[in-house]
Amino acid sequence: MSEGSEALGWKSAADLVGDHPDARVTLIGAGVNERSLTPGRCDLGPKAFRAVLPRFSTYDVETGQELSIRVHDGGDVPVKAMSPADAFDPIRERVARHAGSGLVVLIGGNNAITRPGVHGLGLERVGVLTLDAHFDLRDTDQGLTNGNPIQALLDDGLDGTRISQVGLAPLPIRRRPMTRPGRRASAFAPLANAAISAWPLWSSRNWSACRACAR
C-alpha cells in the first residue's frame, strides 16, 4: 500500500472520540433501563452507539466537508440497574462535570435521562428540544419513568415556553395532562410528524436558534 493510501481503511467517526479533556464536545453514556414503560434493553444504548461509530466516515461527499472536531469520551455512568430516581444524582453530577464543554451528548438509556441531563447543564439556562412522538407528560405521582421526564422538569420549575417538541403524534395523547390547572398547551410547540428517539441537550446560547428552527 502506497504512503497515504486509504485502500484498506479510512478515518472514521470513532477516530475522533477518545481521552480529550479539552475537547469542545463531550460524550457520556447513561444506560438507564429500569422503569421503561415498554420493556427493552435501553441499557445497551451507549455500547451500541460507540460500536457503530467506526462505520461512519468523517467525510461528507455532498458538502465536501471533513469532520475533524475532537470528542472527549466522558465514559458511562453506572446506572443500568438503577431506577430513574436513583440514577438522577449520578447522571446530573457527571453532566455537570463536563458542562463547560461546548456540547454535551448524553446517550441513553431510556428517556428518563433527560431530567438529570438538563439539571446537570443548569435548569436556569437550558432549553429543551425533544424529537419524539410522545409528550412525556405522564403523572409523576407513581414515581419517575421514561414517560414523564418533561412533566418532572415542569414540576422542577422549568418554564414550558423553553420546551419545543418535534414529531408529536396526536393519537396517543390523553386529554388530562394537557388540561391540568395551570397547564398552557401553547407553551409547547408540536411540530411535523418526524418521530425520532433522541434527546439533545441545549445550553441557553443555543436556545434562540432552537426556537427559530422549531417554528
C-alpha atoms as a PDB file:
ATOM      1  CA  MET A   1       0.000   0.000   0.000  1.00  0.00           C
ATOM      2  CA  SER A   2       1.471   3.359  -1.005  1.00  0.00           C
ATOM      3  CA  GLU A   3       2.055   6.082   1.568  1.00  0.00           C
ATOM      4  CA  GLY A   4      -1.166   7.926   2.373  1.00  0.00           C
ATOM      5  CA  SER A   5      -3.356   5.360   0.649  1.00  0.00           C
ATOM      6  CA  GLU A   6      -6.775   4.620   2.132  1.00  0.00           C
ATOM      7  CA  ALA A   7      -7.255   1.458   0.084  1.00  0.00           C
ATOM      8  CA  LEU A   8      -7.582  -0.727   3.174  1.00  0.00           C
ATOM      9  CA  GLY A   9      -9.172   1.712   5.572  1.00  0.00           C
ATOM     10  CA  TRP A  10     -10.322   5.264   6.197  1.00  0.00           C
ATOM     11  CA  LYS A  11     -10.725   7.722   9.018  1.00  0.00           C
ATOM     12  CA  SER A  12     -13.976   7.135  10.870  1.00  0.00           C
ATOM     13  CA  ALA A  13     -16.004   8.989  13.476  1.00  0.00           C
ATOM     14  CA  ALA A  14     -14.583   6.617  16.092  1.00  0.00           C
ATOM     15  CA  ASP A  15     -11.126   8.124  15.497  1.00  0.00           C
ATOM     16  CA  LEU A  16     -12.388  11.469  16.772  1.00  0.00           C
ATOM     17  CA  VAL A  17     -13.545  10.083  20.134  1.00  0.00           C
ATOM     18  CA  GLY A  18     -11.077   9.497  22.941  1.00  0.00           C
ATOM     19  CA  ASP A  19      -9.429  10.951  26.012  1.00  0.00           C
ATOM     20  CA  HIS A  20      -9.536  14.621  25.027  1.00  0.00           C
ATOM     21  CA  PRO A  21     -10.427  16.589  28.201  1.00  0.00           C
ATOM     22  CA  ASP A  22     -10.072  19.924  26.421  1.00  0.00           C
ATOM     23  CA  ALA A  23     -12.360  18.987  23.519  1.00  0.00           C
ATOM     24  CA  ARG A  24     -15.396  21.146  22.748  1.00  0.00           C
ATOM     25  CA  VAL A  25     -17.700  18.102  22.690  1.00  0.00           C
ATOM     26  CA  THR A  26     -18.151  15.519  25.444  1.00  0.00           C
ATOM     27  CA  LEU A  27     -19.857  12.137  25.040  1.00  0.00           C
ATOM     28  CA  ILE A  28     -21.422  10.473  28.099  1.00  0.00           C
ATOM     29  CA  GLY A  29     -23.267   7.160  28.297  1.00  0.00           C
ATOM     30  CA  ALA A  30     -26.176   6.709  30.708  1.00  0.00           C
ATOM     31  CA  GLY A  31     -27.811   3.328  30.157  1.00  0.00           C
ATOM     32  CA  VAL A  32     -30.877   3.718  32.367  1.00  0.00           C
ATOM     33  CA  ASN A  33     -33.232   0.807  31.682  1.00  0.00           C
ATOM     34  CA  GLU A  34     -35.364   0.442  34.798  1.00  0.00           C
ATOM     35  CA  ARG A  35     -38.975   1.652  34.760  1.00  0.00           C
ATOM     36  CA  SER A  36     -39.192   1.696  30.983  1.00  0.00           C
ATOM     37  CA  LEU A  37     -42.887   1.574  30.099  1.00  0.00           C
ATOM     38  CA  THR A  38     -42.080  -0.591  27.086  1.00  0.00           C
ATOM     39  CA  PRO A  39     -39.735  -3.474  28.022  1.00  0.00           C
ATOM     40  CA  GLY A  40     -36.422  -3.480  26.213  1.00  0.00           C
ATOM     41  CA  ARG A  41     -32.659  -3.203  26.632  1.00  0.00           C
ATOM     42  CA  CYS A  42     -32.103   0.527  26.713  1.00  0.00           C
ATOM     43  CA  ASP A  43     -29.023  -0.100  28.840  1.00  0.00           C
ATOM     44  CA  LEU A  44     -27.221  -1.341  25.722  1.00  0.00           C
ATOM     45  CA  GLY A  45     -27.575   2.053  24.023  1.00  0.00           C
ATOM     46  CA  PRO A  46     -24.176   3.579  24.895  1.00  0.00           C
ATOM     47  CA  LYS A  47     -22.290   0.436  23.875  1.00  0.00           C
ATOM     48  CA  ALA A  48     -24.240   0.158  20.612  1.00  0.00           C
ATOM     49  CA  PHE A  49     -23.636   3.831  19.837  1.00  0.00           C
ATOM     50  CA  ARG A  50     -19.881   3.535  20.253  1.00  0.00           C
ATOM     51  CA  ALA A  51     -19.806   0.266  18.307  1.00  0.00           C
ATOM     52  CA  VAL A  52     -21.351   1.854  15.208  1.00  0.00           C
ATOM     53  CA  LEU A  53     -19.026   4.893  15.044  1.00  0.00           C
ATOM     54  CA  PRO A  54     -16.313   3.056  13.033  1.00  0.00           C
ATOM     55  CA  ARG A  55     -18.871   2.590  10.235  1.00  0.00           C
ATOM     56  CA  PHE A  56     -19.197   6.343   9.661  1.00  0.00           C
ATOM     57  CA  SER A  57     -16.602   8.247   7.670  1.00  0.00           C
ATOM     58  CA  THR A  58     -15.575  11.738   8.731  1.00  0.00           C
ATOM     59  CA  TYR A  59     -16.013  12.967   5.139  1.00  0.00           C
ATOM     60  CA  ASP A  60     -19.348  14.178   3.723  1.00  0.00           C
ATOM     61  CA  VAL A  61     -19.421  13.731  -0.047  1.00  0.00           C
ATOM     62  CA  GLU A  62     -22.416  16.083  -0.521  1.00  0.00           C
ATOM     63  CA  THR A  63     -20.800  19.112   1.110  1.00  0.00           C
ATOM     64  CA  GLY A  64     -17.142  18.181   0.685  1.00  0.00           C
ATOM     65  CA  GLN A  65     -16.623  18.861   4.392  1.00  0.00           C
ATOM     66  CA  GLU A  66     -14.283  16.835   6.588  1.00  0.00           C
ATOM     67  CA  LEU A  67     -15.318  16.368  10.225  1.00  0.00           C
ATOM     68  CA  SER A  68     -12.302  16.997  12.416  1.00  0.00           C
ATOM     69  CA  ILE A  69     -13.592  18.134  15.824  1.00  0.00           C
ATOM     70  CA  ARG A  70     -12.344  16.005  18.689  1.00  0.00           C
ATOM     71  CA  VAL A  71     -14.801  14.433  21.128  1.00  0.00           C
ATOM     72  CA  HIS A  72     -13.956  13.656  24.736  1.00  0.00           C
ATOM     73  CA  ASP A  73     -15.338  10.325  25.914  1.00  0.00           C
ATOM     74  CA  GLY A  74     -16.634  11.006  29.406  1.00  0.00           C
ATOM     75  CA  GLY A  75     -17.359   7.316  29.952  1.00  0.00           C
ATOM     76  CA  ASP A  76     -20.537   5.578  31.064  1.00  0.00           C
ATOM     77  CA  VAL A  77     -22.390   6.373  34.266  1.00  0.00           C
ATOM     78  CA  PRO A  78     -23.043   3.001  36.009  1.00  0.00           C
ATOM     79  CA  VAL A  79     -26.839   3.269  36.228  1.00  0.00           C
ATOM     80  CA  LYS A  80     -28.027   0.118  34.434  1.00  0.00           C
ATOM     81  CA  ALA A  81     -29.811  -1.358  37.467  1.00  0.00           C
ATOM     82  CA  MET A  82     -30.931   1.966  38.944  1.00  0.00           C
ATOM     83  CA  SER A  83     -34.386   3.491  38.846  1.00  0.00           C
ATOM     84  CA  PRO A  84     -34.632   6.948  37.262  1.00  0.00           C
ATOM     85  CA  ALA A  85     -34.904   8.437  40.746  1.00  0.00           C
ATOM     86  CA  ASP A  86     -31.734   6.720  41.963  1.00  0.00           C
ATOM     87  CA  ALA A  87     -29.885   7.479  38.718  1.00  0.00           C
ATOM     88  CA  PHE A  88     -30.679  11.201  38.926  1.00  0.00           C
ATOM     89  CA  ASP A  89     -27.708  12.306  41.034  1.00  0.00           C
ATOM     90  CA  PRO A  90     -25.012  10.197  39.320  1.00  0.00           C
ATOM     91  CA  ILE A  91     -26.078  11.391  35.852  1.00  0.00           C
ATOM     92  CA  ARG A  92     -26.542  15.004  36.916  1.00  0.00           C
ATOM     93  CA  GLU A  93     -23.103  15.075  38.548  1.00  0.00           C
ATOM     94  CA  ARG A  94     -21.368  13.537  35.513  1.00  0.00           C
ATOM     95  CA  VAL A  95     -23.023  16.003  33.131  1.00  0.00           C
ATOM     96  CA  ALA A  96     -22.264  18.942  35.443  1.00  0.00           C
ATOM     97  CA  ARG A  97     -18.599  17.919  35.480  1.00  0.00           C
ATOM     98  CA  HIS A  98     -18.463  18.488  31.719  1.00  0.00           C
ATOM     99  CA  ALA A  99     -20.967  21.345  31.447  1.00  0.00           C
ATOM    100  CA  GLY A 100     -18.178  23.675  30.366  1.00  0.00           C
ATOM    101  CA  SER A 101     -17.933  21.851  27.040  1.00  0.00           C
ATOM    102  CA  GLY A 102     -19.497  23.498  24.026  1.00  0.00           C
ATOM    103  CA  LEU A 103     -21.776  20.473  23.641  1.00  0.00           C
ATOM    104  CA  VAL A 104     -22.597  17.541  25.925  1.00  0.00           C
ATOM    105  CA  VAL A 105     -24.015  14.472  24.171  1.00  0.00           C
ATOM    106  CA  LEU A 106     -25.808  12.186  26.635  1.00  0.00           C
ATOM    107  CA  ILE A 107     -26.561   8.737  25.215  1.00  0.00           C
ATOM    108  CA  GLY A 108     -29.292   6.614  26.857  1.00  0.00           C
ATOM    109  CA  GLY A 109     -30.719   4.633  28.140  1.00  0.00           C
ATOM    110  CA  ASN A 110     -34.387   5.473  28.169  1.00  0.00           C
ATOM    111  CA  ASN A 111     -35.912   8.957  28.076  1.00  0.00           C
ATOM    112  CA  ALA A 112     -35.639   9.315  31.858  1.00  0.00           C
ATOM    113  CA  ILE A 113     -32.067  10.571  31.353  1.00  0.00           C
ATOM    114  CA  THR A 114     -33.482  13.861  30.059  1.00  0.00           C
ATOM    115  CA  ARG A 115     -34.232  15.298  33.503  1.00  0.00           C
ATOM    116  CA  PRO A 116     -30.814  14.744  35.144  1.00  0.00           C
ATOM    117  CA  GLY A 117     -29.127  15.841  31.921  1.00  0.00           C
ATOM    118  CA  VAL A 118     -30.964  19.173  31.971  1.00  0.00           C
ATOM    119  CA  HIS A 119     -30.191  19.680  35.654  1.00  0.00           C
ATOM    120  CA  GLY A 120     -26.535  18.885  35.013  1.00  0.00           C
ATOM    121  CA  LEU A 121     -26.290  21.712  32.479  1.00  0.00           C
ATOM    122  CA  GLY A 122     -28.291  24.062  34.698  1.00  0.00           C
ATOM    123  CA  LEU A 123     -32.078  24.290  34.841  1.00  0.00           C
ATOM    124  CA  GLU A 124     -31.941  28.087  34.694  1.00  0.00           C
ATOM    125  CA  ARG A 125     -30.036  28.247  31.379  1.00  0.00           C
ATOM    126  CA  VAL A 126     -31.312  25.308  29.356  1.00  0.00           C
ATOM    127  CA  GLY A 127     -33.921  24.990  26.647  1.00  0.00           C
ATOM    128  CA  VAL A 128     -35.183  21.508  25.757  1.00  0.00           C
ATOM    129  CA  LEU A 129     -35.802  20.297  22.215  1.00  0.00           C
ATOM    130  CA  THR A 130     -37.333  16.810  22.097  1.00  0.00           C
ATOM    131  CA  LEU A 131     -37.538  14.704  18.940  1.00  0.00           C
ATOM    132  CA  ASP A 132     -40.205  12.157  19.824  1.00  0.00           C
ATOM    133  CA  ALA A 133     -43.778  11.064  19.166  1.00  0.00           C
ATOM    134  CA  HIS A 134     -44.804  11.489  22.833  1.00  0.00           C
ATOM    135  CA  PHE A 135     -45.262  14.465  25.139  1.00  0.00           C
ATOM    136  CA  ASP A 136     -43.755  12.552  28.115  1.00  0.00           C
ATOM    137  CA  LEU A 137     -46.219  14.329  30.406  1.00  0.00           C
ATOM    138  CA  ARG A 138     -47.422  11.304  32.356  1.00  0.00           C
ATOM    139  CA  ASP A 139     -48.198  11.858  36.029  1.00  0.00           C
ATOM    140  CA  THR A 140     -45.288  11.629  38.453  1.00  0.00           C
ATOM    141  CA  ASP A 141     -47.301  10.512  41.480  1.00  0.00           C
ATOM    142  CA  GLN A 142     -46.265   6.883  40.876  1.00  0.00           C
ATOM    143  CA  GLY A 143     -42.611   7.776  40.517  1.00  0.00           C
ATOM    144  CA  LEU A 144     -40.301   8.623  37.645  1.00  0.00           C
ATOM    145  CA  THR A 145     -40.387   6.618  34.407  1.00  0.00           C
ATOM    146  CA  ASN A 146     -39.328   7.143  30.813  1.00  0.00           C
ATOM    147  CA  GLY A 147     -42.834   8.514  30.211  1.00  0.00           C
ATOM    148  CA  ASN A 148     -42.706  11.617  32.416  1.00  0.00           C
ATOM    149  CA  PRO A 149     -39.326  13.440  32.218  1.00  0.00           C
ATOM    150  CA  ILE A 150     -40.901  16.564  30.694  1.00  0.00           C
ATOM    151  CA  GLN A 151     -43.599  16.628  33.373  1.00  0.00           C
ATOM    152  CA  ALA A 152     -40.894  16.183  36.019  1.00  0.00           C
ATOM    153  CA  LEU A 153     -38.935  19.119  34.589  1.00  0.00           C
ATOM    154  CA  LEU A 154     -42.066  21.292  34.643  1.00  0.00           C
ATOM    155  CA  ASP A 155     -42.578  20.250  38.266  1.00  0.00           C
ATOM    156  CA  ASP A 156     -38.951  21.248  38.911  1.00  0.00           C
ATOM    157  CA  GLY A 157     -39.705  24.741  37.665  1.00  0.00           C
ATOM    158  CA  LEU A 158     -38.592  24.669  34.017  1.00  0.00           C
ATOM    159  CA  ASP A 159     -40.683  27.191  32.071  1.00  0.00           C
ATOM    160  CA  GLY A 160     -42.838  25.389  29.488  1.00  0.00           C
ATOM    161  CA  THR A 161     -42.063  28.113  26.939  1.00  0.00           C
ATOM    162  CA  ARG A 162     -38.481  26.824  26.923  1.00  0.00           C
ATOM    163  CA  ILE A 163     -39.573  23.396  25.675  1.00  0.00           C
ATOM    164  CA  SER A 164     -40.082  22.620  21.989  1.00  0.00           C
ATOM    165  CA  GLN A 165     -41.255  19.180  20.850  1.00  0.00           C
ATOM    166  CA  VAL A 166     -40.816  17.844  17.325  1.00  0.00           C
ATOM    167  CA  GLY A 167     -42.648  14.827  15.886  1.00  0.00           C
ATOM    168  CA  LEU A 168     -45.563  14.633  18.309  1.00  0.00           C
ATOM    169  CA  ALA A 169     -48.209  12.092  17.341  1.00  0.00           C
ATOM    170  CA  PRO A 170     -51.777  13.211  18.234  1.00  0.00           C
ATOM    171  CA  LEU A 171     -53.436   9.827  18.852  1.00  0.00           C
ATOM    172  CA  PRO A 172     -51.587   8.544  21.970  1.00  0.00           C
ATOM    173  CA  ILE A 173     -52.027  11.804  23.868  1.00  0.00           C
ATOM    174  CA  ARG A 174     -54.511  11.758  26.744  1.00  0.00           C
ATOM    175  CA  ARG A 175     -56.585  14.832  27.495  1.00  0.00           C
ATOM    176  CA  ARG A 176     -55.874  15.110  31.224  1.00  0.00           C
ATOM    177  CA  PRO A 177     -52.160  16.048  31.113  1.00  0.00           C
ATOM    178  CA  MET A 178     -52.968  18.960  28.813  1.00  0.00           C
ATOM    179  CA  THR A 179     -55.890  20.261  30.880  1.00  0.00           C
ATOM    180  CA  ARG A 180     -54.404  20.300  34.383  1.00  0.00           C
ATOM    181  CA  PRO A 181     -54.792  23.585  36.296  1.00  0.00           C
ATOM    182  CA  GLY A 182     -52.042  25.936  35.179  1.00  0.00           C
ATOM    183  CA  ARG A 183     -51.191  23.931  32.086  1.00  0.00           C
ATOM    184  CA  ARG A 184     -50.767  26.036  28.975  1.00  0.00           C
ATOM    185  CA  ALA A 185     -50.841  23.894  25.882  1.00  0.00           C
ATOM    186  CA  SER A 186     -49.471  26.851  23.929  1.00  0.00           C
ATOM    187  CA  ALA A 187     -46.288  26.540  25.972  1.00  0.00           C
ATOM    188  CA  PHE A 188     -45.339  23.603  23.770  1.00  0.00           C
ATOM    189  CA  ALA A 189     -44.531  23.638  20.092  1.00  0.00           C
ATOM    190  CA  PRO A 190     -45.850  20.439  18.449  1.00  0.00           C
ATOM    191  CA  LEU A 191     -44.299  20.199  15.005  1.00  0.00           C
ATOM    192  CA  ALA A 192     -44.185  17.966  11.930  1.00  0.00           C
ATOM    193  CA  ASN A 193     -44.526  14.207  12.298  1.00  0.00           C
ATOM    194  CA  ALA A 194     -40.934  13.021  12.408  1.00  0.00           C
ATOM    195  CA  ALA A 195     -40.750  10.652  15.334  1.00  0.00           C
ATOM    196  CA  ILE A 196     -37.103  10.201  16.267  1.00  0.00           C
ATOM    197  CA  SER A 197     -35.817   8.878  19.584  1.00  0.00           C
ATOM    198  CA  ALA A 198     -33.149  11.388  20.526  1.00  0.00           C
ATOM    199  CA  TRP A 199     -32.581  13.703  23.456  1.00  0.00           C
ATOM    200  CA  PRO A 200     -30.118  16.506  22.693  1.00  0.00           C
ATOM    201  CA  LEU A 201     -29.482  18.989  25.486  1.00  0.00           C
ATOM    202  CA  TRP A 202     -29.109  22.647  24.542  1.00  0.00           C
ATOM    203  CA  SER A 203     -27.491  25.433  26.535  1.00  0.00           C
ATOM    204  CA  SER A 204     -29.139  28.853  26.645  1.00  0.00           C
ATOM    205  CA  ARG A 205     -26.820  30.248  23.958  1.00  0.00           C
ATOM    206  CA  ASN A 206     -28.380  27.803  21.501  1.00  0.00           C
ATOM    207  CA  TRP A 207     -31.962  28.340  22.607  1.00  0.00           C
ATOM    208  CA  SER A 208     -32.858  31.132  20.177  1.00  0.00           C
ATOM    209  CA  ALA A 209     -31.590  29.001  17.305  1.00  0.00           C
ATOM    210  CA  CYS A 210     -33.706  26.075  18.537  1.00  0.00           C
ATOM    211  CA  ARG A 211     -36.838  28.190  18.631  1.00  0.00           C
ATOM    212  CA  ALA A 212     -36.115  29.516  15.158  1.00  0.00           C
ATOM    213  CA  CYS A 213     -35.837  26.058  13.630  1.00  0.00           C
ATOM    214  CA  ALA A 214     -38.849  24.847  15.599  1.00  0.00           C
ATOM    215  CA  ARG A 215     -41.226  27.358  14.054  1.00  0.00           C
END
